[in-house]
PDB file of N, CA and C in Angstrom:
ATOM      1  N   MET A   1       0.845  -1.174   0.000  1.00  0.00           N
ATOM      2  CA  MET A   1       0.000   0.000   0.000  1.00  0.00           C
ATOM      3  C   MET A   1       0.895   1.244   0.000  1.00  0.00           C
ATOM      4  N   PRO A   2       0.656   2.185  -0.903  1.00  0.00           N
ATOM      5  CA  PRO A   2       1.491   3.382  -0.962  1.00  0.00           C
ATOM      6  C   PRO A   2       1.284   4.283   0.256  1.00  0.00           C
ATOM      7  N   ARG A   3       2.347   4.993   0.600  1.00  0.00           N
ATOM      8  CA  ARG A   3       2.258   5.931   1.718  1.00  0.00           C
ATOM      9  C   ARG A   3       1.363   7.095   1.330  1.00  0.00           C
ATOM     10  N   PRO A   4       0.620   7.630   2.281  1.00  0.00           N
ATOM     11  CA  PRO A   4      -0.223   8.787   1.969  1.00  0.00           C
ATOM     12  C   PRO A   4       0.656   9.997   1.653  1.00  0.00           C
ATOM     13  N   PHE A   5       0.158  10.866   0.802  1.00  0.00           N
ATOM     14  CA  PHE A   5       0.890  12.075   0.437  1.00  0.00           C
ATOM     15  C   PHE A   5       0.967  13.015   1.623  1.00  0.00           C
ATOM     16  N   THR A   6       2.134  13.583   1.846  1.00  0.00           N
ATOM     17  CA  THR A   6       2.310  14.595   2.889  1.00  0.00           C
ATOM     18  C   THR A   6       2.568  15.938   2.210  1.00  0.00           C
ATOM     19  N   PRO A   7       2.175  17.041   2.836  1.00  0.00           N
ATOM     20  CA  PRO A   7       2.377  18.351   2.217  1.00  0.00           C
ATOM     21  C   PRO A   7       3.843  18.594   1.863  1.00  0.00           C
ATOM     22  N   LYS A   8       4.038  19.359   0.801  1.00  0.00           N
ATOM     23  CA  LYS A   8       5.376  19.627   0.283  1.00  0.00           C
ATOM     24  C   LYS A   8       5.534  21.103  -0.067  1.00  0.00           C
ATOM     25  N   VAL A   9       6.793  21.531  -0.160  1.00  0.00           N
ATOM     26  CA  VAL A   9       7.156  22.797  -0.772  1.00  0.00           C
ATOM     27  C   VAL A   9       8.134  22.471  -1.883  1.00  0.00           C
ATOM     28  N   VAL A  10       8.148  23.298  -2.922  1.00  0.00           N
ATOM     29  CA  VAL A  10       9.148  23.152  -3.969  1.00  0.00           C
ATOM     30  C   VAL A  10      10.344  23.992  -3.537  1.00  0.00           C
ATOM     31  N   THR A  11      11.516  23.371  -3.503  1.00  0.00           N
ATOM     32  CA  THR A  11      12.726  24.067  -3.109  1.00  0.00           C
ATOM     33  C   THR A  11      13.822  23.815  -4.136  1.00  0.00           C
ATOM     34  N   ALA A  12      14.783  24.718  -4.169  1.00  0.00           N
ATOM     35  CA  ALA A  12      15.914  24.624  -5.086  1.00  0.00           C
ATOM     36  C   ALA A  12      17.013  25.532  -4.547  1.00  0.00           C
ATOM     37  N   ASN A  13      18.037  25.731  -5.356  1.00  0.00           N
ATOM     38  CA  ASN A  13      19.075  26.703  -5.038  1.00  0.00           C
ATOM     39  C   ASN A  13      19.080  27.776  -6.108  1.00  0.00           C
ATOM     40  N   ASP A  14      19.259  29.008  -5.687  1.00  0.00           N
ATOM     41  CA  ASP A  14      19.355  30.130  -6.606  1.00  0.00           C
ATOM     42  C   ASP A  14      20.611  29.946  -7.465  1.00  0.00           C
ATOM     43  N   LEU A  15      20.460  30.043  -8.772  1.00  0.00           N
ATOM     44  CA  LEU A  15      21.569  29.805  -9.678  1.00  0.00           C
ATOM     45  C   LEU A  15      22.734  30.753  -9.428  1.00  0.00           C
ATOM     46  N   VAL A  16      22.459  32.027  -9.231  1.00  0.00           N
ATOM     47  CA  VAL A  16      23.514  33.027  -9.104  1.00  0.00           C
ATOM     48  C   VAL A  16      24.125  33.061  -7.708  1.00  0.00           C
ATOM     49  N   GLU A  17      23.290  33.130  -6.680  1.00  0.00           N
ATOM     50  CA  GLU A  17      23.785  33.311  -5.314  1.00  0.00           C
ATOM     51  C   GLU A  17      23.951  32.011  -4.537  1.00  0.00           C
ATOM     52  N   GLY A  18      23.297  30.952  -4.979  1.00  0.00           N
ATOM     53  CA  GLY A  18      23.410  29.673  -4.295  1.00  0.00           C
ATOM     54  C   GLY A  18      22.491  29.509  -3.105  1.00  0.00           C
ATOM     55  N   ASP A  19      21.772  30.566  -2.726  1.00  0.00           N
ATOM     56  CA  ASP A  19      20.857  30.484  -1.589  1.00  0.00           C
ATOM     57  C   ASP A  19      19.749  29.472  -1.835  1.00  0.00           C
ATOM     58  N   VAL A  20      19.231  28.934  -0.739  1.00  0.00           N
ATOM     59  CA  VAL A  20      18.052  28.080  -0.815  1.00  0.00           C
ATOM     60  C   VAL A  20      16.868  28.977  -1.156  1.00  0.00           C
ATOM     61  N   ILE A  21      16.054  28.533  -2.105  1.00  0.00           N
ATOM     62  CA  ILE A  21      14.860  29.275  -2.488  1.00  0.00           C
ATOM     63  C   ILE A  21      13.667  28.342  -2.505  1.00  0.00           C
ATOM     64  N   TYR A  22      12.488  28.947  -2.409  1.00  0.00           N
ATOM     65  CA  TYR A  22      11.236  28.196  -2.350  1.00  0.00           C
ATOM     66  C   TYR A  22      10.245  28.820  -3.315  1.00  0.00           C
ATOM     67  N   LEU A  23       9.384  27.991  -3.882  1.00  0.00           N
ATOM     68  CA  LEU A  23       8.365  28.470  -4.800  1.00  0.00           C
ATOM     69  C   LEU A  23       7.149  28.967  -4.021  1.00  0.00           C
ATOM     70  N   ALA A  24       6.745  30.200  -4.308  1.00  0.00           N
ATOM     71  CA  ALA A  24       5.548  30.780  -3.687  1.00  0.00           C
ATOM     72  C   ALA A  24       4.331  30.479  -4.551  1.00  0.00           C
ATOM     73  N   ARG A  25       3.159  30.666  -4.005  1.00  0.00           N
ATOM     74  CA  ARG A  25       1.914  30.379  -4.718  1.00  0.00           C
ATOM     75  C   ARG A  25       1.788  31.181  -6.009  1.00  0.00           C
ATOM     76  N   ASP A  26       2.342  32.402  -6.032  1.00  0.00           N
ATOM     77  CA  ASP A  26       2.232  33.243  -7.233  1.00  0.00           C
ATOM     78  C   ASP A  26       3.279  32.912  -8.294  1.00  0.00           C
ATOM     79  N   GLY A  27       4.097  31.894  -8.040  1.00  0.00           N
ATOM     80  CA  GLY A  27       5.112  31.478  -9.003  1.00  0.00           C
ATOM     81  C   GLY A  27       6.459  32.143  -8.810  1.00  0.00           C
ATOM     82  N   ALA A  28       6.545  33.073  -7.870  1.00  0.00           N
ATOM     83  CA  ALA A  28       7.818  33.742  -7.581  1.00  0.00           C
ATOM     84  C   ALA A  28       8.666  32.835  -6.694  1.00  0.00           C
ATOM     85  N   TRP A  29       9.974  33.057  -6.736  1.00  0.00           N
ATOM     86  CA  TRP A  29      10.887  32.351  -5.840  1.00  0.00           C
ATOM     87  C   TRP A  29      11.163  33.236  -4.636  1.00  0.00           C
ATOM     88  N   VAL A  30      11.068  32.669  -3.439  1.00  0.00           N
ATOM     89  CA  VAL A  30      11.287  33.408  -2.191  1.00  0.00           C
ATOM     90  C   VAL A  30      12.397  32.722  -1.395  1.00  0.00           C
ATOM     91  N   ARG A  31      13.019  33.458  -0.491  1.00  0.00           N
ATOM     92  CA  ARG A  31      14.149  32.925   0.271  1.00  0.00           C
ATOM     93  C   ARG A  31      13.759  32.428   1.665  1.00  0.00           C
ATOM     94  N   ASP A  32      12.553  32.690   2.099  1.00  0.00           N
ATOM     95  CA  ASP A  32      12.096  32.223   3.411  1.00  0.00           C
ATOM     96  C   ASP A  32      11.022  31.157   3.241  1.00  0.00           C
ATOM     97  N   MET A  33      11.228  30.026   3.884  1.00  0.00           N
ATOM     98  CA  MET A  33      10.279  28.925   3.755  1.00  0.00           C
ATOM     99  C   MET A  33       8.876  29.320   4.185  1.00  0.00           C
ATOM    100  N   CYS A  34       8.761  30.213   5.158  1.00  0.00           N
ATOM    101  CA  CYS A  34       7.432  30.596   5.639  1.00  0.00           C
ATOM    102  C   CYS A  34       6.607  31.308   4.556  1.00  0.00           C
ATOM    103  N   MET A  35       7.254  31.749   3.494  1.00  0.00           N
ATOM    104  CA  MET A  35       6.552  32.410   2.395  1.00  0.00           C
ATOM    105  C   MET A  35       6.278  31.451   1.225  1.00  0.00           C
ATOM    106  N   ALA A  36       6.716  30.210   1.358  1.00  0.00           N
ATOM    107  CA  ALA A  36       6.545  29.214   0.296  1.00  0.00           C
ATOM    108  C   ALA A  36       5.100  28.726   0.230  1.00  0.00           C
ATOM    109  N   TRP A  37       4.767  28.117  -0.886  1.00  0.00           N
ATOM    110  CA  TRP A  37       3.456  27.512  -1.093  1.00  0.00           C
ATOM    111  C   TRP A  37       3.487  26.114  -0.497  1.00  0.00           C
ATOM    112  N   LEU A  38       2.676  25.869   0.506  1.00  0.00           N
ATOM    113  CA  LEU A  38       2.535  24.536   1.085  1.00  0.00           C
ATOM    114  C   LEU A  38       1.524  23.790   0.226  1.00  0.00           C
ATOM    115  N   ILE A  39       2.017  22.871  -0.567  1.00  0.00           N
ATOM    116  CA  ILE A  39       1.175  22.158  -1.532  1.00  0.00           C
ATOM    117  C   ILE A  39       0.664  20.878  -0.884  1.00  0.00           C
ATOM    118  N   GLU A  40      -0.644  20.750  -0.824  1.00  0.00           N
ATOM    119  CA  GLU A  40      -1.246  19.613  -0.130  1.00  0.00           C
ATOM    120  C   GLU A  40      -1.851  18.574  -1.073  1.00  0.00           C
ATOM    121  N   ASP A  41      -1.698  18.789  -2.376  1.00  0.00           N
ATOM    122  CA  ASP A  41      -2.231  17.866  -3.378  1.00  0.00           C
ATOM    123  C   ASP A  41      -1.062  17.296  -4.181  1.00  0.00           C
ATOM    124  N   GLU A  42      -0.980  15.986  -4.270  1.00  0.00           N
ATOM    125  CA  GLU A  42       0.140  15.322  -4.936  1.00  0.00           C
ATOM    126  C   GLU A  42       0.271  15.712  -6.404  1.00  0.00           C
ATOM    127  N   ALA A  43      -0.836  15.758  -7.120  1.00  0.00           N
ATOM    128  CA  ALA A  43      -0.784  16.127  -8.538  1.00  0.00           C
ATOM    129  C   ALA A  43      -0.300  17.562  -8.708  1.00  0.00           C
ATOM    130  N   GLU A  44      -0.761  18.455  -7.845  1.00  0.00           N
ATOM    131  CA  GLU A  44      -0.322  19.855  -7.900  1.00  0.00           C
ATOM    132  C   GLU A  44       1.161  19.967  -7.583  1.00  0.00           C
ATOM    133  N   ALA A  45       1.639  19.215  -6.615  1.00  0.00           N
ATOM    134  CA  ALA A  45       3.062  19.231  -6.262  1.00  0.00           C
ATOM    135  C   ALA A  45       3.909  18.783  -7.450  1.00  0.00           C
ATOM    136  N   THR A  46       3.481  17.732  -8.118  1.00  0.00           N
ATOM    137  CA  THR A  46       4.201  17.234  -9.293  1.00  0.00           C
ATOM    138  C   THR A  46       4.213  18.266 -10.406  1.00  0.00           C
ATOM    139  N   THR A  47       3.090  18.929 -10.621  1.00  0.00           N
ATOM    140  CA  THR A  47       2.989  19.966 -11.649  1.00  0.00           C
ATOM    141  C   THR A  47       3.910  21.131 -11.336  1.00  0.00           C
ATOM    142  N   GLN A  48       3.917  21.591 -10.085  1.00  0.00           N
ATOM    143  CA  GLN A  48       4.748  22.733  -9.705  1.00  0.00           C
ATOM    144  C   GLN A  48       6.240  22.398  -9.767  1.00  0.00           C
ATOM    145  N   LEU A  49       6.588  21.174  -9.426  1.00  0.00           N
ATOM    146  CA  LEU A  49       7.985  20.761  -9.536  1.00  0.00           C
ATOM    147  C   LEU A  49       8.418  20.773 -11.002  1.00  0.00           C
ATOM    148  N   ALA A  50       7.568  20.258 -11.870  1.00  0.00           N
ATOM    149  CA  ALA A  50       7.883  20.257 -13.301  1.00  0.00           C
ATOM    150  C   ALA A  50       8.058  21.680 -13.819  1.00  0.00           C
ATOM    151  N   LEU A  51       7.215  22.587 -13.357  1.00  0.00           N
ATOM    152  CA  LEU A  51       7.334  24.000 -13.735  1.00  0.00           C
ATOM    153  C   LEU A  51       8.650  24.593 -13.237  1.00  0.00           C
ATOM    154  N   ALA A  52       9.018  24.278 -12.006  1.00  0.00           N
ATOM    155  CA  ALA A  52      10.272  24.781 -11.437  1.00  0.00           C
ATOM    156  C   ALA A  52      11.474  24.299 -12.241  1.00  0.00           C
ATOM    157  N   GLU A  53      11.390  23.080 -12.728  1.00  0.00           N
ATOM    158  CA  GLU A  53      12.500  22.513 -13.494  1.00  0.00           C
ATOM    159  C   GLU A  53      12.665  23.158 -14.866  1.00  0.00           C
ATOM    160  N   THR A  54      11.688  23.961 -15.287  1.00  0.00           N
ATOM    161  CA  THR A  54      11.794  24.665 -16.572  1.00  0.00           C
ATOM    162  C   THR A  54      12.428  26.041 -16.399  1.00  0.00           C
ATOM    163  N   GLN A  55      12.935  26.339 -15.194  1.00  0.00           N
ATOM    164  CA  GLN A  55      13.525  27.644 -14.910  1.00  0.00           C
ATOM    165  C   GLN A  55      14.998  27.524 -14.508  1.00  0.00           C
ATOM    166  N   PRO A  56      15.836  26.863 -15.321  1.00  0.00           N
ATOM    167  CA  PRO A  56      17.230  26.656 -14.928  1.00  0.00           C
ATOM    168  C   PRO A  56      18.044  27.946 -14.843  1.00  0.00           C
ATOM    169  N   GLU A  57      17.518  29.027 -15.403  1.00  0.00           N
ATOM    170  CA  GLU A  57      18.223  30.305 -15.317  1.00  0.00           C
ATOM    171  C   GLU A  57      18.014  30.971 -13.949  1.00  0.00           C
ATOM    172  N   ILE A  58      17.111  30.399 -13.151  1.00  0.00           N
ATOM    173  CA  ILE A  58      16.827  30.927 -11.810  1.00  0.00           C
ATOM    174  C   ILE A  58      17.156  29.883 -10.740  1.00  0.00           C
ATOM    175  N   ALA A  59      16.582  28.694 -10.897  1.00  0.00           N
ATOM    176  CA  ALA A  59      16.634  27.670  -9.853  1.00  0.00           C
ATOM    177  C   ALA A  59      17.301  26.395 -10.362  1.00  0.00           C
ATOM    178  N   VAL A  60      18.198  25.851  -9.557  1.00  0.00           N
ATOM    179  CA  VAL A  60      18.848  24.587  -9.913  1.00  0.00           C
ATOM    180  C   VAL A  60      18.591  23.560  -8.819  1.00  0.00           C
ATOM    181  N   GLY A  61      18.473  22.307  -9.229  1.00  0.00           N
ATOM    182  CA  GLY A  61      18.279  21.221  -8.279  1.00  0.00           C
ATOM    183  C   GLY A  61      16.945  21.226  -7.579  1.00  0.00           C
ATOM    184  N   ALA A  62      15.898  21.615  -8.278  1.00  0.00           N
ATOM    185  CA  ALA A  62      14.566  21.692  -7.660  1.00  0.00           C
ATOM    186  C   ALA A  62      14.088  20.305  -7.218  1.00  0.00           C
ATOM    187  N   TYR A  63      13.435  20.265  -6.073  1.00  0.00           N
ATOM    188  CA  TYR A  63      12.827  19.030  -5.584  1.00  0.00           C
ATOM    189  C   TYR A  63      11.705  19.365  -4.611  1.00  0.00           C
ATOM    190  N   LEU A  64      10.932  18.356  -4.252  1.00  0.00           N
ATOM    191  CA  LEU A  64       9.841  18.509  -3.292  1.00  0.00           C
ATOM    192  C   LEU A  64      10.344  18.144  -1.906  1.00  0.00           C
ATOM    193  N   ALA A  65      10.118  19.036  -0.946  1.00  0.00           N
ATOM    194  CA  ALA A  65      10.535  18.792   0.433  1.00  0.00           C
ATOM    195  C   ALA A  65       9.307  18.716   1.331  1.00  0.00           C
ATOM    196  N   ASP A  66       9.310  17.748   2.226  1.00  0.00           N
ATOM    197  CA  ASP A  66       8.214  17.622   3.184  1.00  0.00           C
ATOM    198  C   ASP A  66       8.164  18.853   4.079  1.00  0.00           C
ATOM    199  N   ALA A  67       6.960  19.306   4.360  1.00  0.00           N
ATOM    200  CA  ALA A  67       6.752  20.462   5.234  1.00  0.00           C
ATOM    201  C   ALA A  67       5.389  20.313   5.897  1.00  0.00           C
ATOM    202  N   LYS A  68       5.147  21.175   6.862  1.00  0.00           N
ATOM    203  CA  LYS A  68       3.838  21.205   7.515  1.00  0.00           C
ATOM    204  C   LYS A  68       3.483  22.658   7.784  1.00  0.00           C
ATOM    205  N   ALA A  69       2.213  22.882   8.053  1.00  0.00           N
ATOM    206  CA  ALA A  69       1.763  24.239   8.358  1.00  0.00           C
ATOM    207  C   ALA A  69       2.280  24.640   9.730  1.00  0.00           C
ATOM    208  N   GLY A  70       2.846  25.825   9.790  1.00  0.00           N
ATOM    209  CA  GLY A  70       3.305  26.398  11.053  1.00  0.00           C
ATOM    210  C   GLY A  70       2.505  27.659  11.329  1.00  0.00           C
ATOM    211  N   PRO A  71       2.764  28.332  12.427  1.00  0.00           N
ATOM    212  CA  PRO A  71       1.997  29.528  12.762  1.00  0.00           C
ATOM    213  C   PRO A  71       2.188  30.680  11.773  1.00  0.00           C
ATOM    214  N   ASN A  72       3.339  30.705  11.074  1.00  0.00           N
ATOM    215  CA  ASN A  72       3.621  31.793  10.132  1.00  0.00           C
ATOM    216  C   ASN A  72       3.806  31.308   8.704  1.00  0.00           C
ATOM    217  N   GLY A  73       3.437  30.076   8.431  1.00  0.00           N
ATOM    218  CA  GLY A  73       3.621  29.507   7.098  1.00  0.00           C
ATOM    219  C   GLY A  73       4.284  28.148   7.217  1.00  0.00           C
ATOM    220  N   PRO A  74       4.682  27.567   6.090  1.00  0.00           N
ATOM    221  CA  PRO A  74       5.287  26.232   6.121  1.00  0.00           C
ATOM    222  C   PRO A  74       6.560  26.171   6.960  1.00  0.00           C
ATOM    223  N   VAL A  75       6.740  25.026   7.611  1.00  0.00           N
ATOM    224  CA  VAL A  75       7.965  24.751   8.365  1.00  0.00           C
ATOM    225  C   VAL A  75       8.446  23.354   7.970  1.00  0.00           C
ATOM    226  N   PRO A  76       9.757  23.135   8.021  1.00  0.00           N
ATOM    227  CA  PRO A  76      10.288  21.829   7.624  1.00  0.00           C
ATOM    228  C   PRO A  76       9.906  20.734   8.611  1.00  0.00           C
ATOM    229  N   THR A  77       9.817  19.514   8.093  1.00  0.00           N
ATOM    230  CA  THR A  77       9.550  18.371   8.963  1.00  0.00           C
ATOM    231  C   THR A  77      10.761  17.456   9.071  1.00  0.00           C
ATOM    232  N   HIS A  78      11.824  17.773   8.364  1.00  0.00           N
ATOM    233  CA  HIS A  78      13.041  16.967   8.379  1.00  0.00           C
ATOM    234  C   HIS A  78      14.220  17.865   8.729  1.00  0.00           C
ATOM    235  N   PHE A  79      15.166  17.330   9.495  1.00  0.00           N
ATOM    236  CA  PHE A  79      16.302  18.152   9.936  1.00  0.00           C
ATOM    237  C   PHE A  79      17.108  18.701   8.769  1.00  0.00           C
ATOM    238  N   ARG A  80      17.179  17.961   7.661  1.00  0.00           N
ATOM    239  CA  ARG A  80      17.944  18.448   6.508  1.00  0.00           C
ATOM    240  C   ARG A  80      17.354  19.755   5.989  1.00  0.00           C
ATOM    241  N   GLU A  81      16.043  19.812   5.902  1.00  0.00           N
ATOM    242  CA  GLU A  81      15.397  21.028   5.405  1.00  0.00           C
ATOM    243  C   GLU A  81      15.484  22.162   6.421  1.00  0.00           C
ATOM    244  N   ALA A  82      15.441  21.838   7.694  1.00  0.00           N
ATOM    245  CA  ALA A  82      15.613  22.875   8.717  1.00  0.00           C
ATOM    246  C   ALA A  82      17.020  23.465   8.613  1.00  0.00           C
ATOM    247  N   PHE A  83      17.990  22.616   8.389  1.00  0.00           N
ATOM    248  CA  PHE A  83      19.375  23.044   8.231  1.00  0.00           C
ATOM    249  C   PHE A  83      19.529  23.920   6.985  1.00  0.00           C
ATOM    250  N   ARG A  84      18.943  23.502   5.870  1.00  0.00           N
ATOM    251  CA  ARG A  84      19.025  24.277   4.626  1.00  0.00           C
ATOM    252  C   ARG A  84      18.341  25.632   4.786  1.00  0.00           C
ATOM    253  N   ALA A  85      17.224  25.668   5.488  1.00  0.00           N
ATOM    254  CA  ALA A  85      16.465  26.913   5.653  1.00  0.00           C
ATOM    255  C   ALA A  85      17.244  27.960   6.440  1.00  0.00           C
ATOM    256  N   ARG A  86      18.134  27.525   7.306  1.00  0.00           N
ATOM    257  CA  ARG A  86      18.917  28.451   8.120  1.00  0.00           C
ATOM    258  C   ARG A  86      20.034  29.118   7.342  1.00  0.00           C
ATOM    259  N   GLY A  87      20.497  28.501   6.280  1.00  0.00           N
ATOM    260  CA  GLY A  87      21.589  29.077   5.512  1.00  0.00           C
ATOM    261  C   GLY A  87      22.921  28.439   5.859  1.00  0.00           C
ATOM    262  N   PRO A  88      24.007  28.944   5.281  1.00  0.00           N
ATOM    263  CA  PRO A  88      25.337  28.355   5.496  1.00  0.00           C
ATOM    264  C   PRO A  88      25.693  28.276   6.977  1.00  0.00           C
ATOM    265  N   SER A  89      26.386  27.214   7.346  1.00  0.00           N
ATOM    266  CA  SER A  89      26.694  27.008   8.758  1.00  0.00           C
ATOM    267  C   SER A  89      28.137  27.350   9.113  1.00  0.00           C
ATOM    268  N   ASN A  90      28.911  27.823   8.153  1.00  0.00           N
ATOM    269  CA  ASN A  90      30.312  28.080   8.457  1.00  0.00           C
ATOM    270  C   ASN A  90      30.535  29.379   9.222  1.00  0.00           C
ATOM    271  N   ARG A  91      29.624  30.335   9.111  1.00  0.00           N
ATOM    272  CA  ARG A  91      29.712  31.569   9.877  1.00  0.00           C
ATOM    273  C   ARG A  91      28.381  32.292   9.776  1.00  0.00           C
ATOM    274  N   PHE A  92      28.139  33.219  10.684  1.00  0.00           N
ATOM    275  CA  PHE A  92      26.895  33.965  10.668  1.00  0.00           C
ATOM    276  C   PHE A  92      26.950  35.047   9.594  1.00  0.00           C
ATOM    277  N   HIS A  93      26.204  34.855   8.543  1.00  0.00           N
ATOM    278  CA  HIS A  93      26.037  35.864   7.505  1.00  0.00           C
ATOM    279  C   HIS A  93      24.727  35.570   6.789  1.00  0.00           C
ATOM    280  N   GLY A  94      24.239  36.527   6.053  1.00  0.00           N
ATOM    281  CA  GLY A  94      22.976  36.315   5.353  1.00  0.00           C
ATOM    282  C   GLY A  94      21.859  35.985   6.311  1.00  0.00           C
ATOM    283  N   LYS A  95      21.140  34.922   6.030  1.00  0.00           N
ATOM    284  CA  LYS A  95      20.015  34.507   6.868  1.00  0.00           C
ATOM    285  C   LYS A  95      20.438  34.254   8.302  1.00  0.00           C
ATOM    286  N   GLN A  96      21.641  33.756   8.496  1.00  0.00           N
ATOM    287  CA  GLN A  96      22.072  33.396   9.844  1.00  0.00           C
ATOM    288  C   GLN A  96      22.245  34.608  10.740  1.00  0.00           C
ATOM    289  N   THR A  97      22.538  35.766  10.188  1.00  0.00           N
ATOM    290  CA  THR A  97      22.662  36.966  10.993  1.00  0.00           C
ATOM    291  C   THR A  97      21.347  37.261  11.697  1.00  0.00           C
ATOM    292  N   ALA A  98      20.255  37.224  10.944  1.00  0.00           N
ATOM    293  CA  ALA A  98      18.934  37.482  11.529  1.00  0.00           C
ATOM    294  C   ALA A  98      18.548  36.380  12.495  1.00  0.00           C
ATOM    295  N   THR A  99      18.795  35.135  12.133  1.00  0.00           N
ATOM    296  CA  THR A  99      18.447  34.005  12.984  1.00  0.00           C
ATOM    297  C   THR A  99      19.215  34.058  14.301  1.00  0.00           C
ATOM    298  N   ALA A 100      20.502  34.375  14.228  1.00  0.00           N
ATOM    299  CA  ALA A 100      21.331  34.418  15.433  1.00  0.00           C
ATOM    300  C   ALA A 100      20.833  35.480  16.399  1.00  0.00           C
ATOM    301  N   SER A 101      20.472  36.644  15.888  1.00  0.00           N
ATOM    302  CA  SER A 101      20.010  37.700  16.782  1.00  0.00           C
ATOM    303  C   SER A 101      18.649  37.361  17.376  1.00  0.00           C
ATOM    304  N   GLN A 102      17.797  36.682  16.611  1.00  0.00           N
ATOM    305  CA  GLN A 102      16.478  36.291  17.115  1.00  0.00           C
ATOM    306  C   GLN A 102      16.587  35.219  18.183  1.00  0.00           C
ATOM    307  N   GLU A 103      17.579  34.332  18.039  1.00  0.00           N
ATOM    308  CA  GLU A 103      17.706  33.233  18.969  1.00  0.00           C
ATOM    309  C   GLU A 103      18.694  33.523  20.100  1.00  0.00           C
ATOM    310  N   GLY A 104      19.274  34.726  20.108  1.00  0.00           N
ATOM    311  CA  GLY A 104      20.167  35.107  21.188  1.00  0.00           C
ATOM    312  C   GLY A 104      21.585  34.594  21.063  1.00  0.00           C
ATOM    313  N   PHE A 105      22.005  34.165  19.872  1.00  0.00           N
ATOM    314  CA  PHE A 105      23.377  33.714  19.679  1.00  0.00           C
ATOM    315  C   PHE A 105      24.295  34.902  19.471  1.00  0.00           C
ATOM    316  N   ALA A 106      25.496  34.796  19.959  1.00  0.00           N
ATOM    317  CA  ALA A 106      26.482  35.864  19.729  1.00  0.00           C
ATOM    318  C   ALA A 106      27.160  35.620  18.401  1.00  0.00           C
ATOM    319  N   HIS A 107      27.528  36.694  17.733  1.00  0.00           N
ATOM    320  CA  HIS A 107      28.244  36.615  16.475  1.00  0.00           C
ATOM    321  C   HIS A 107      29.684  36.225  16.769  1.00  0.00           C
ATOM    322  N   VAL A 108      30.157  35.166  16.152  1.00  0.00           N
ATOM    323  CA  VAL A 108      31.509  34.665  16.425  1.00  0.00           C
ATOM    324  C   VAL A 108      32.457  35.185  15.380  1.00  0.00           C
TER     325      VAL A 108
END
C-alpha cells in the first residue's frame, strides 16, 4: 500500500547566489520557507515541480521537500530542510545573521 501524500514545498538553489529558495503560490521564488506555497495535493506538487524545473536560469536542483503548516507559514519536517532553511553554517552571515540575533546567539 502506498504511503499517503504529505504536504510539500518546492525548493531549489538560486543559480547566481546559491541560496536556498522556495516556490511561492504566485510562481515567484522566495528565500524564506514561511513564504513558500505549502502544496497539499500530490498532482499539484508534481505539476509545480515540473514548472520549477523549466527555470534553470533561476533555480537549480529543484525538488519537493516535506513540510507542515506552522503559525507563520510552512515549516520543515526533516532536519535536513531545517538546516538548509537556516543558511550556510560556516559563519553567521545572510540569513544566519537574523536568525542568530532572534535566537540570542552571539556573532563569532
